[in-house]
Amino acid sequence: MPVARVRDIDIAYQLTGAGEPLVMIMGITGSKWHWLGFDRRLGEEFLTIAFDNRGVGETTAPEGSYTTPQMAEDTIGLLDAIGIDRAHVFGVSMGGMIAQELALAHPDRVRTVILGCTNFGGTTQILPAPEVYQRAFIVAGKGAEQATRDILSVNLRPDFMKKHSDVVEELVRYGIEHRVKKHVLAAQIAAVSEHDTASRLSAITAPTLVLAGDADELIPPQNSIEIAGLIPQAQITFFPGVAHMFWVEAPEEAAFQIRRFIRGQGG
């Protein structure tokens, strides 16, 4: 797996396909593996760049605080390292927060922005129910398997988990074998908690698509409506009956919407 040195860390990444570059930014505690082949699906039309955020997968896990602007600079540093000047930027969950910061700080590097199942942070975001938050992020006293199953239970619909038990067990096995370090989990949770772009989103100039499942418990879909209302001429698409990890539950429709949007911008 190729690795790029970016400031204080080594970032592990993988390139798939050919065409216009599409950088894919994963959510909290997720690695490039968690795309579960969605990068390859999009690689049929684009050069996809999937990578491990700081702290997870095969990327360095430094101590100290993490922020979404910092991880946006990580992403830009990776693009610099592999010689990509401008890219389509697709981020999900925490990755969508990172994508917001990247588009605001580096508008000249962004072709389009695709914000999946994310929010703008701050005091006006719509929070998940306390029980949902606890299942997702309170891991004290849980073993790796229980913690992973609890996280999946708020990322995927119960009926999807029942019908696709093979996918669930694959995710559980990965979670057990690659449990995120405690300091990284705390740092990424803090990064999400401190994220706040609500007052700045109107400055995003790149064409923007907002995507979400309308059954998302982790980041309620009203957040996507609010984001789309703040970004000039942003488009929004919901996936009916789909939970947080829409690229797992509805990969064909999600890929179609991303391709349609980028083609519509001349890409």
C-alpha atoms as a PDB file:
ATOM      1  CA  MET A   1       0.000   0.000   0.000  1.00  0.00           C
ATOM      2  CA  PRO A   2       1.545   3.358  -0.972  1.00  0.00           C
ATOM      3  CA  VAL A   3       2.324   5.875   1.766  1.00  0.00           C
ATOM      4  CA  ALA A   4       2.877   9.642   1.460  1.00  0.00           C
ATOM      5  CA  ARG A   5       4.730  11.755   4.007  1.00  0.00           C
ATOM      6  CA  VAL A   6       2.549  14.759   4.889  1.00  0.00           C
ATOM      7  CA  ARG A   7       3.994  17.077   7.549  1.00  0.00           C
ATOM      8  CA  ASP A   8       4.052  15.047  10.792  1.00  0.00           C
ATOM      9  CA  ILE A   9       2.417  11.826   9.537  1.00  0.00           C
ATOM     10  CA  ASP A  10       2.630   9.102   6.924  1.00  0.00           C
ATOM     11  CA  ILE A  11      -0.700   8.762   5.104  1.00  0.00           C
ATOM     12  CA  ALA A  12      -1.631   5.400   3.603  1.00  0.00           C
ATOM     13  CA  TYR A  13      -3.707   5.646   0.431  1.00  0.00           C
ATOM     14  CA  GLN A  14      -4.844   3.724  -2.615  1.00  0.00           C
ATOM     15  CA  LEU A  15      -5.592   4.821  -6.166  1.00  0.00           C
ATOM     16  CA  THR A  16      -8.249   3.130  -8.264  1.00  0.00           C
ATOM     17  CA  GLY A  17      -9.401   3.651 -11.827  1.00  0.00           C
ATOM     18  CA  ALA A  18      -8.665   6.520 -14.193  1.00  0.00           C
ATOM     19  CA  GLY A  19     -10.167   9.849 -15.122  1.00  0.00           C
ATOM     20  CA  GLU A  20     -10.736  13.044 -13.185  1.00  0.00           C
ATOM     21  CA  PRO A  21      -9.444  12.702  -9.603  1.00  0.00           C
ATOM     22  CA  LEU A  22     -12.002  12.121  -6.843  1.00  0.00           C
ATOM     23  CA  VAL A  23     -10.643  12.201  -3.295  1.00  0.00           C
ATOM     24  CA  MET A  24     -12.752  10.245  -0.801  1.00  0.00           C
ATOM     25  CA  ILE A  25     -12.637  11.246   2.879  1.00  0.00           C
ATOM     26  CA  MET A  26     -13.901   8.710   5.397  1.00  0.00           C
ATOM     27  CA  GLY A  27     -15.792   9.361   8.639  1.00  0.00           C
ATOM     28  CA  ILE A  28     -14.912   9.034  12.288  1.00  0.00           C
ATOM     29  CA  THR A  29     -12.717   5.975  13.090  1.00  0.00           C
ATOM     30  CA  GLY A  30     -13.230   4.678   9.538  1.00  0.00           C
ATOM     31  CA  SER A  31     -10.389   3.651   7.247  1.00  0.00           C
ATOM     32  CA  LYS A  32     -10.149   3.394   3.473  1.00  0.00           C
ATOM     33  CA  TRP A  33     -11.256  -0.224   3.900  1.00  0.00           C
ATOM     34  CA  HIS A  34     -14.671   0.989   5.099  1.00  0.00           C
ATOM     35  CA  TRP A  35     -15.624   2.074   1.591  1.00  0.00           C
ATOM     36  CA  LEU A  36     -16.232  -1.649   1.032  1.00  0.00           C
ATOM     37  CA  GLY A  37     -15.517  -1.364  -2.665  1.00  0.00           C
ATOM     38  CA  PHE A  38     -17.360   1.927  -3.250  1.00  0.00           C
ATOM     39  CA  ASP A  39     -14.068   3.492  -4.356  1.00  0.00           C
ATOM     40  CA  ARG A  40     -13.706   0.737  -6.958  1.00  0.00           C
ATOM     41  CA  ARG A  41     -17.275   1.321  -8.122  1.00  0.00           C
ATOM     42  CA  LEU A  42     -16.549   5.020  -8.647  1.00  0.00           C
ATOM     43  CA  GLY A  43     -13.179   4.067 -10.122  1.00  0.00           C
ATOM     44  CA  GLU A  44     -15.044   2.892 -13.206  1.00  0.00           C
ATOM     45  CA  GLU A  45     -15.271   6.577 -14.176  1.00  0.00           C
ATOM     46  CA  PHE A  46     -12.830   8.479 -11.935  1.00  0.00           C
ATOM     47  CA  LEU A  47      -9.373   8.203 -10.455  1.00  0.00           C
ATOM     48  CA  THR A  48     -10.386   7.626  -6.843  1.00  0.00           C
ATOM     49  CA  ILE A  49      -8.047   8.488  -3.977  1.00  0.00           C
ATOM     50  CA  ALA A  50      -9.084   6.663  -0.798  1.00  0.00           C
ATOM     51  CA  PHE A  51      -6.921   7.082   2.286  1.00  0.00           C
ATOM     52  CA  ASP A  52      -6.696   6.613   6.035  1.00  0.00           C
ATOM     53  CA  ASN A  53      -7.244   9.772   8.084  1.00  0.00           C
ATOM     54  CA  ARG A  54      -4.698  10.515  10.789  1.00  0.00           C
ATOM     55  CA  GLY A  55      -4.953   7.957  13.551  1.00  0.00           C
ATOM     56  CA  VAL A  56      -6.645   5.107  11.706  1.00  0.00           C
ATOM     57  CA  GLY A  57      -5.737   2.224   9.458  1.00  0.00           C
ATOM     58  CA  GLU A  58      -2.161   2.356   8.244  1.00  0.00           C
ATOM     59  CA  THR A  59      -1.722   6.101   8.757  1.00  0.00           C
ATOM     60  CA  THR A  60       0.316   7.459  11.672  1.00  0.00           C
ATOM     61  CA  ALA A  61      -1.623   7.922  14.924  1.00  0.00           C
ATOM     62  CA  PRO A  62      -0.002  10.891  16.680  1.00  0.00           C
ATOM     63  CA  GLU A  63      -0.900  11.904  20.216  1.00  0.00           C
ATOM     64  CA  GLY A  64      -2.514  15.278  20.818  1.00  0.00           C
ATOM     65  CA  SER A  65      -5.560  17.058  19.468  1.00  0.00           C
ATOM     66  CA  TYR A  66      -7.060  16.581  16.010  1.00  0.00           C
ATOM     67  CA  THR A  67      -9.236  19.125  14.180  1.00  0.00           C
ATOM     68  CA  THR A  68     -11.204  19.106  10.944  1.00  0.00           C
ATOM     69  CA  PRO A  69      -9.123  21.998   9.490  1.00  0.00           C
ATOM     70  CA  GLN A  70      -5.976  20.027  10.328  1.00  0.00           C
ATOM     71  CA  MET A  71      -7.329  16.947   8.549  1.00  0.00           C
ATOM     72  CA  ALA A  72      -8.316  19.111   5.588  1.00  0.00           C
ATOM     73  CA  GLU A  73      -4.660  20.146   5.361  1.00  0.00           C
ATOM     74  CA  ASP A  74      -3.701  16.452   5.580  1.00  0.00           C
ATOM     75  CA  THR A  75      -5.881  15.851   2.526  1.00  0.00           C
ATOM     76  CA  ILE A  76      -4.330  18.737   0.597  1.00  0.00           C
ATOM     77  CA  GLY A  77      -0.873  17.471   1.557  1.00  0.00           C
ATOM     78  CA  LEU A  78      -1.743  14.044   0.193  1.00  0.00           C
ATOM     79  CA  LEU A  79      -2.940  15.532  -3.096  1.00  0.00           C
ATOM     80  CA  ASP A  80       0.300  17.517  -3.299  1.00  0.00           C
ATOM     81  CA  ALA A  81       2.361  14.402  -2.629  1.00  0.00           C
ATOM     82  CA  ILE A  82       0.757  12.448  -5.462  1.00  0.00           C
ATOM     83  CA  GLY A  83       0.759  15.394  -7.876  1.00  0.00           C
ATOM     84  CA  ILE A  84      -2.931  16.256  -8.080  1.00  0.00           C
ATOM     85  CA  ASP A  85      -3.720  19.937  -8.496  1.00  0.00           C
ATOM     86  CA  ARG A  86      -7.551  19.893  -8.421  1.00  0.00           C
ATOM     87  CA  ALA A  87      -9.974  17.156  -7.445  1.00  0.00           C
ATOM     88  CA  HIS A  88     -13.603  16.404  -6.834  1.00  0.00           C
ATOM     89  CA  VAL A  89     -13.942  16.149  -3.038  1.00  0.00           C
ATOM     90  CA  PHE A  90     -16.296  13.589  -1.484  1.00  0.00           C
ATOM     91  CA  GLY A  91     -16.528  13.259   2.289  1.00  0.00           C
ATOM     92  CA  VAL A  92     -18.900  11.299   4.509  1.00  0.00           C
ATOM     93  CA  SER A  93     -19.809  12.038   8.138  1.00  0.00           C
ATOM     94  CA  MET A  94     -16.637  13.473   9.736  1.00  0.00           C
ATOM     95  CA  GLY A  95     -15.168  13.305   6.244  1.00  0.00           C
ATOM     96  CA  GLY A  96     -17.911  15.667   5.105  1.00  0.00           C
ATOM     97  CA  MET A  97     -16.835  18.108   7.808  1.00  0.00           C
ATOM     98  CA  ILE A  98     -13.250  17.837   6.600  1.00  0.00           C
ATOM     99  CA  ALA A  99     -14.462  18.413   3.031  1.00  0.00           C
ATOM    100  CA  GLN A 100     -16.240  21.606   4.132  1.00  0.00           C
ATOM    101  CA  GLU A 101     -13.029  22.970   5.655  1.00  0.00           C
ATOM    102  CA  LEU A 102     -11.031  21.957   2.582  1.00  0.00           C
ATOM    103  CA  ALA A 103     -13.449  23.704   0.208  1.00  0.00           C
ATOM    104  CA  LEU A 104     -13.372  26.854   2.334  1.00  0.00           C
ATOM    105  CA  ALA A 105      -9.586  26.995   2.756  1.00  0.00           C
ATOM    106  CA  HIS A 106      -8.578  25.829  -0.736  1.00  0.00           C
ATOM    107  CA  PRO A 107     -11.302  26.735  -3.253  1.00  0.00           C
ATOM    108  CA  ASP A 108      -8.750  26.669  -6.070  1.00  0.00           C
ATOM    109  CA  ARG A 109      -8.079  22.960  -5.425  1.00  0.00           C
ATOM    110  CA  VAL A 110     -11.718  21.844  -5.594  1.00  0.00           C
ATOM    111  CA  ARG A 111     -13.685  20.894  -8.722  1.00  0.00           C
ATOM    112  CA  THR A 112     -16.896  19.883  -6.936  1.00  0.00           C
ATOM    113  CA  VAL A 113     -17.884  19.059  -3.360  1.00  0.00           C
ATOM    114  CA  ILE A 114     -20.025  16.096  -2.320  1.00  0.00           C
ATOM    115  CA  LEU A 115     -21.080  16.133   1.334  1.00  0.00           C
ATOM    116  CA  GLY A 116     -22.483  12.845   2.602  1.00  0.00           C
ATOM    117  CA  CYS A 117     -24.431  12.281   5.844  1.00  0.00           C
ATOM    118  CA  THR A 118     -22.736  15.177   7.624  1.00  0.00           C
ATOM    119  CA  ASN A 119     -23.424  18.417   9.498  1.00  0.00           C
ATOM    120  CA  PHE A 120     -21.925  21.854  10.027  1.00  0.00           C
ATOM    121  CA  GLY A 121     -21.391  21.482  13.773  1.00  0.00           C
ATOM    122  CA  GLY A 122     -21.804  24.282  16.253  1.00  0.00           C
ATOM    123  CA  THR A 123     -24.803  25.006  18.447  1.00  0.00           C
ATOM    124  CA  THR A 124     -27.414  24.824  15.683  1.00  0.00           C
ATOM    125  CA  GLN A 125     -26.687  21.320  14.417  1.00  0.00           C
ATOM    126  CA  ILE A 126     -29.363  18.659  14.977  1.00  0.00           C
ATOM    127  CA  LEU A 127     -27.920  16.097  17.358  1.00  0.00           C
ATOM    128  CA  PRO A 128     -28.707  12.375  17.487  1.00  0.00           C
ATOM    129  CA  ALA A 129     -30.773  11.011  20.330  1.00  0.00           C
ATOM    130  CA  PRO A 130     -28.658  10.470  23.498  1.00  0.00           C
ATOM    131  CA  GLU A 131     -29.181   6.701  23.248  1.00  0.00           C
ATOM    132  CA  VAL A 132     -27.852   6.704  19.670  1.00  0.00           C
ATOM    133  CA  TYR A 133     -24.786   8.726  20.683  1.00  0.00           C
ATOM    134  CA  GLN A 134     -24.096   6.361  23.573  1.00  0.00           C
ATOM    135  CA  ARG A 135     -24.249   3.270  21.387  1.00  0.00           C
ATOM    136  CA  ALA A 136     -21.955   4.844  18.819  1.00  0.00           C
ATOM    137  CA  PHE A 137     -19.277   6.516  20.919  1.00  0.00           C
ATOM    138  CA  ILE A 138     -19.321   5.329  24.532  1.00  0.00           C
ATOM    139  CA  VAL A 139     -17.002   2.333  24.509  1.00  0.00           C
ATOM    140  CA  ALA A 140     -15.904   2.143  28.155  1.00  0.00           C
ATOM    141  CA  GLY A 141     -16.326  -1.376  29.468  1.00  0.00           C
ATOM    142  CA  LYS A 142     -17.060  -2.863  26.058  1.00  0.00           C
ATOM    143  CA  GLY A 143     -14.971  -5.434  24.284  1.00  0.00           C
ATOM    144  CA  ALA A 144     -13.969  -4.869  20.669  1.00  0.00           C
ATOM    145  CA  GLU A 145     -16.789  -7.016  19.297  1.00  0.00           C
ATOM    146  CA  GLN A 146     -19.558  -5.402  21.340  1.00  0.00           C
ATOM    147  CA  ALA A 147     -18.260  -1.913  20.595  1.00  0.00           C
ATOM    148  CA  THR A 148     -18.200  -2.688  16.863  1.00  0.00           C
ATOM    149  CA  ARG A 149     -21.686  -4.192  16.837  1.00  0.00           C
ATOM    150  CA  ASP A 150     -23.067  -1.212  18.748  1.00  0.00           C
ATOM    151  CA  ILE A 151     -21.502   1.217  16.285  1.00  0.00           C
ATOM    152  CA  LEU A 152     -22.902  -0.728  13.332  1.00  0.00           C
ATOM    153  CA  SER A 153     -26.377  -0.735  14.897  1.00  0.00           C
ATOM    154  CA  VAL A 154     -26.595   3.050  14.466  1.00  0.00           C
ATOM    155  CA  ASN A 155     -24.908   3.117  11.062  1.00  0.00           C
ATOM    156  CA  LEU A 156     -27.031   0.499   9.301  1.00  0.00           C
ATOM    157  CA  ARG A 157     -30.747  -0.324   9.307  1.00  0.00           C
ATOM    158  CA  PRO A 158     -31.791  -3.466  11.221  1.00  0.00           C
ATOM    159  CA  ASP A 159     -33.363  -5.000   8.118  1.00  0.00           C
ATOM    160  CA  PHE A 160     -30.200  -4.428   6.080  1.00  0.00           C
ATOM    161  CA  MET A 161     -28.105  -6.015   8.839  1.00  0.00           C
ATOM    162  CA  LYS A 162     -30.385  -9.049   8.918  1.00  0.00           C
ATOM    163  CA  LYS A 163     -30.463  -9.475   5.150  1.00  0.00           C
ATOM    164  CA  HIS A 164     -26.728  -8.852   4.679  1.00  0.00           C
ATOM    165  CA  SER A 165     -25.268 -10.621   7.693  1.00  0.00           C
ATOM    166  CA  ASP A 166     -22.153 -11.462   5.668  1.00  0.00           C
ATOM    167  CA  VAL A 167     -21.360  -7.746   5.286  1.00  0.00           C
ATOM    168  CA  VAL A 168     -22.019  -7.162   8.984  1.00  0.00           C
ATOM    169  CA  GLU A 169     -19.737  -9.997  10.062  1.00  0.00           C
ATOM    170  CA  GLU A 170     -17.006  -8.728   7.740  1.00  0.00           C
ATOM    171  CA  LEU A 171     -17.300  -5.299   9.386  1.00  0.00           C
ATOM    172  CA  VAL A 172     -17.236  -6.880  12.840  1.00  0.00           C
ATOM    173  CA  ARG A 173     -14.123  -8.903  12.039  1.00  0.00           C
ATOM    174  CA  TYR A 174     -12.362  -5.786  10.800  1.00  0.00           C
ATOM    175  CA  GLY A 175     -13.416  -3.836  13.892  1.00  0.00           C
ATOM    176  CA  ILE A 176     -12.027  -6.511  16.194  1.00  0.00           C
ATOM    177  CA  GLU A 177      -8.743  -6.819  14.315  1.00  0.00           C
ATOM    178  CA  HIS A 178      -8.228  -3.068  13.808  1.00  0.00           C
ATOM    179  CA  ARG A 179      -9.668  -1.475  16.924  1.00  0.00           C
ATOM    180  CA  VAL A 180      -8.957   2.254  16.957  1.00  0.00           C
ATOM    181  CA  LYS A 181      -6.596   3.443  19.675  1.00  0.00           C
ATOM    182  CA  LYS A 182      -8.285   5.160  22.624  1.00  0.00           C
ATOM    183  CA  HIS A 183      -6.433   8.437  22.147  1.00  0.00           C
ATOM    184  CA  VAL A 184      -7.430   8.513  18.469  1.00  0.00           C
ATOM    185  CA  LEU A 185     -11.098   7.900  19.234  1.00  0.00           C
ATOM    186  CA  ALA A 186     -11.027  10.726  21.784  1.00  0.00           C
ATOM    187  CA  ALA A 187      -9.203  13.049  19.380  1.00  0.00           C
ATOM    188  CA  GLN A 188     -11.577  12.379  16.472  1.00  0.00           C
ATOM    189  CA  ILE A 189     -14.652  12.785  18.686  1.00  0.00           C
ATOM    190  CA  ALA A 190     -13.214  16.111  19.862  1.00  0.00           C
ATOM    191  CA  ALA A 191     -12.575  17.166  16.254  1.00  0.00           C
ATOM    192  CA  VAL A 192     -16.217  16.483  15.368  1.00  0.00           C
ATOM    193  CA  SER A 193     -17.456  18.195  18.541  1.00  0.00           C
ATOM    194  CA  GLU A 194     -15.445  21.344  17.816  1.00  0.00           C
ATOM    195  CA  HIS A 195     -16.318  21.519  14.119  1.00  0.00           C
ATOM    196  CA  ASP A 196     -18.342  24.627  13.232  1.00  0.00           C
ATOM    197  CA  THR A 197     -18.770  25.956   9.691  1.00  0.00           C
ATOM    198  CA  ALA A 198     -22.372  27.178   9.829  1.00  0.00           C
ATOM    199  CA  SER A 199     -21.461  30.846   9.536  1.00  0.00           C
ATOM    200  CA  ARG A 200     -18.998  30.190   6.684  1.00  0.00           C
ATOM    201  CA  LEU A 201     -20.702  27.720   4.361  1.00  0.00           C
ATOM    202  CA  SER A 202     -22.099  30.474   2.157  1.00  0.00           C
ATOM    203  CA  ALA A 203     -18.503  31.126   1.054  1.00  0.00           C
ATOM    204  CA  ILE A 204     -18.200  27.722  -0.647  1.00  0.00           C
ATOM    205  CA  THR A 205     -17.999  28.464  -4.365  1.00  0.00           C
ATOM    206  CA  ALA A 206     -17.613  24.955  -5.788  1.00  0.00           C
ATOM    207  CA  PRO A 207     -20.710  23.175  -7.114  1.00  0.00           C
ATOM    208  CA  THR A 208     -21.998  21.135  -4.182  1.00  0.00           C
ATOM    209  CA  LEU A 209     -24.110  17.998  -3.796  1.00  0.00           C
ATOM    210  CA  VAL A 210     -25.472  16.960  -0.400  1.00  0.00           C
ATOM    211  CA  LEU A 211     -26.354  13.280   0.079  1.00  0.00           C
ATOM    212  CA  ALA A 212     -27.954  11.428   3.006  1.00  0.00           C
ATOM    213  CA  GLY A 213     -30.167   8.533   3.925  1.00  0.00           C
ATOM    214  CA  ASP A 214     -33.523   9.703   5.215  1.00  0.00           C
ATOM    215  CA  ALA A 215     -33.373   7.050   7.966  1.00  0.00           C
ATOM    216  CA  ASP A 216     -30.036   8.251   9.357  1.00  0.00           C
ATOM    217  CA  GLU A 217     -30.114   8.160  13.166  1.00  0.00           C
ATOM    218  CA  LEU A 218     -26.492   9.141  13.714  1.00  0.00           C
ATOM    219  CA  ILE A 219     -26.584  12.463  11.839  1.00  0.00           C
ATOM    220  CA  PRO A 220     -30.271  13.292  11.438  1.00  0.00           C
ATOM    221  CA  PRO A 221     -31.189  14.184   7.834  1.00  0.00           C
ATOM    222  CA  GLN A 222     -32.399  17.661   8.776  1.00  0.00           C
ATOM    223  CA  ASN A 223     -28.692  18.550   8.998  1.00  0.00           C
ATOM    224  CA  SER A 224     -28.350  17.928   5.272  1.00  0.00           C
ATOM    225  CA  ILE A 225     -31.302  20.195   4.545  1.00  0.00           C
ATOM    226  CA  GLU A 226     -29.715  22.947   6.631  1.00  0.00           C
ATOM    227  CA  ILE A 227     -26.344  22.551   4.892  1.00  0.00           C
ATOM    228  CA  ALA A 228     -27.871  22.633   1.417  1.00  0.00           C
ATOM    229  CA  GLY A 229     -29.733  25.788   2.362  1.00  0.00           C
ATOM    230  CA  LEU A 230     -26.526  27.586   3.311  1.00  0.00           C
ATOM    231  CA  ILE A 231     -24.339  26.691   0.322  1.00  0.00           C
ATOM    232  CA  PRO A 232     -25.189  28.670  -2.832  1.00  0.00           C
ATOM    233  CA  GLN A 233     -27.099  26.554  -5.377  1.00  0.00           C
ATOM    234  CA  ALA A 234     -26.317  23.292  -3.581  1.00  0.00           C
ATOM    235  CA  GLN A 235     -28.230  20.233  -4.743  1.00  0.00           C
ATOM    236  CA  ILE A 236     -29.572  17.653  -2.298  1.00  0.00           C
ATOM    237  CA  THR A 237     -30.584  14.012  -2.683  1.00  0.00           C
ATOM    238  CA  PHE A 238     -31.994  11.657  -0.044  1.00  0.00           C
ATOM    239  CA  PHE A 239     -31.922   7.868  -0.232  1.00  0.00           C
ATOM    240  CA  PRO A 240     -35.299   6.583   1.008  1.00  0.00           C
ATOM    241  CA  GLY A 241     -35.202   4.126   3.891  1.00  0.00           C
ATOM    242  CA  VAL A 242     -31.390   4.253   4.085  1.00  0.00           C
ATOM    243  CA  ALA A 243     -29.347   4.835   7.232  1.00  0.00           C
ATOM    244  CA  HIS A 244     -26.000   6.549   7.837  1.00  0.00           C
ATOM    245  CA  MET A 245     -23.702   4.360   5.713  1.00  0.00           C
ATOM    246  CA  PHE A 246     -25.547   4.962   2.451  1.00  0.00           C
ATOM    247  CA  TRP A 247     -22.558   3.880   0.349  1.00  0.00           C
ATOM    248  CA  VAL A 248     -22.951   0.414   1.910  1.00  0.00           C
ATOM    249  CA  GLU A 249     -26.747   0.172   1.882  1.00  0.00           C
ATOM    250  CA  ALA A 250     -27.367   1.835  -1.493  1.00  0.00           C
ATOM    251  CA  PRO A 251     -24.052   1.804  -3.399  1.00  0.00           C
ATOM    252  CA  GLU A 252     -25.532   1.648  -6.893  1.00  0.00           C
ATOM    253  CA  GLU A 253     -27.867   4.606  -6.360  1.00  0.00           C
ATOM    254  CA  ALA A 254     -25.181   6.594  -4.515  1.00  0.00           C
ATOM    255  CA  ALA A 255     -22.675   6.055  -7.321  1.00  0.00           C
ATOM    256  CA  PHE A 256     -25.302   7.036  -9.887  1.00  0.00           C
ATOM    257  CA  GLN A 257     -26.054  10.299  -8.067  1.00  0.00           C
ATOM    258  CA  ILE A 258     -22.372  11.193  -7.746  1.00  0.00           C
ATOM    259  CA  ARG A 259     -21.684  10.467 -11.421  1.00  0.00           C
ATOM    260  CA  ARG A 260     -24.811  12.375 -12.494  1.00  0.00           C
ATOM    261  CA  PHE A 261     -23.845  15.393 -10.444  1.00  0.00           C
ATOM    262  CA  ILE A 262     -20.245  15.572 -11.630  1.00  0.00           C
ATOM    263  CA  ARG A 263     -21.248  15.088 -15.270  1.00  0.00           C
ATOM    264  CA  GLY A 264     -23.764  17.898 -14.846  1.00  0.00           C
ATOM    265  CA  GLN A 265     -20.933  20.236 -13.872  1.00  0.00           C
ATOM    266  CA  GLY A 266     -19.033  19.407 -17.029  1.00  0.00           C
ATOM    267  CA  GLY A 267     -16.833  16.797 -15.306  1.00  0.00           C
END
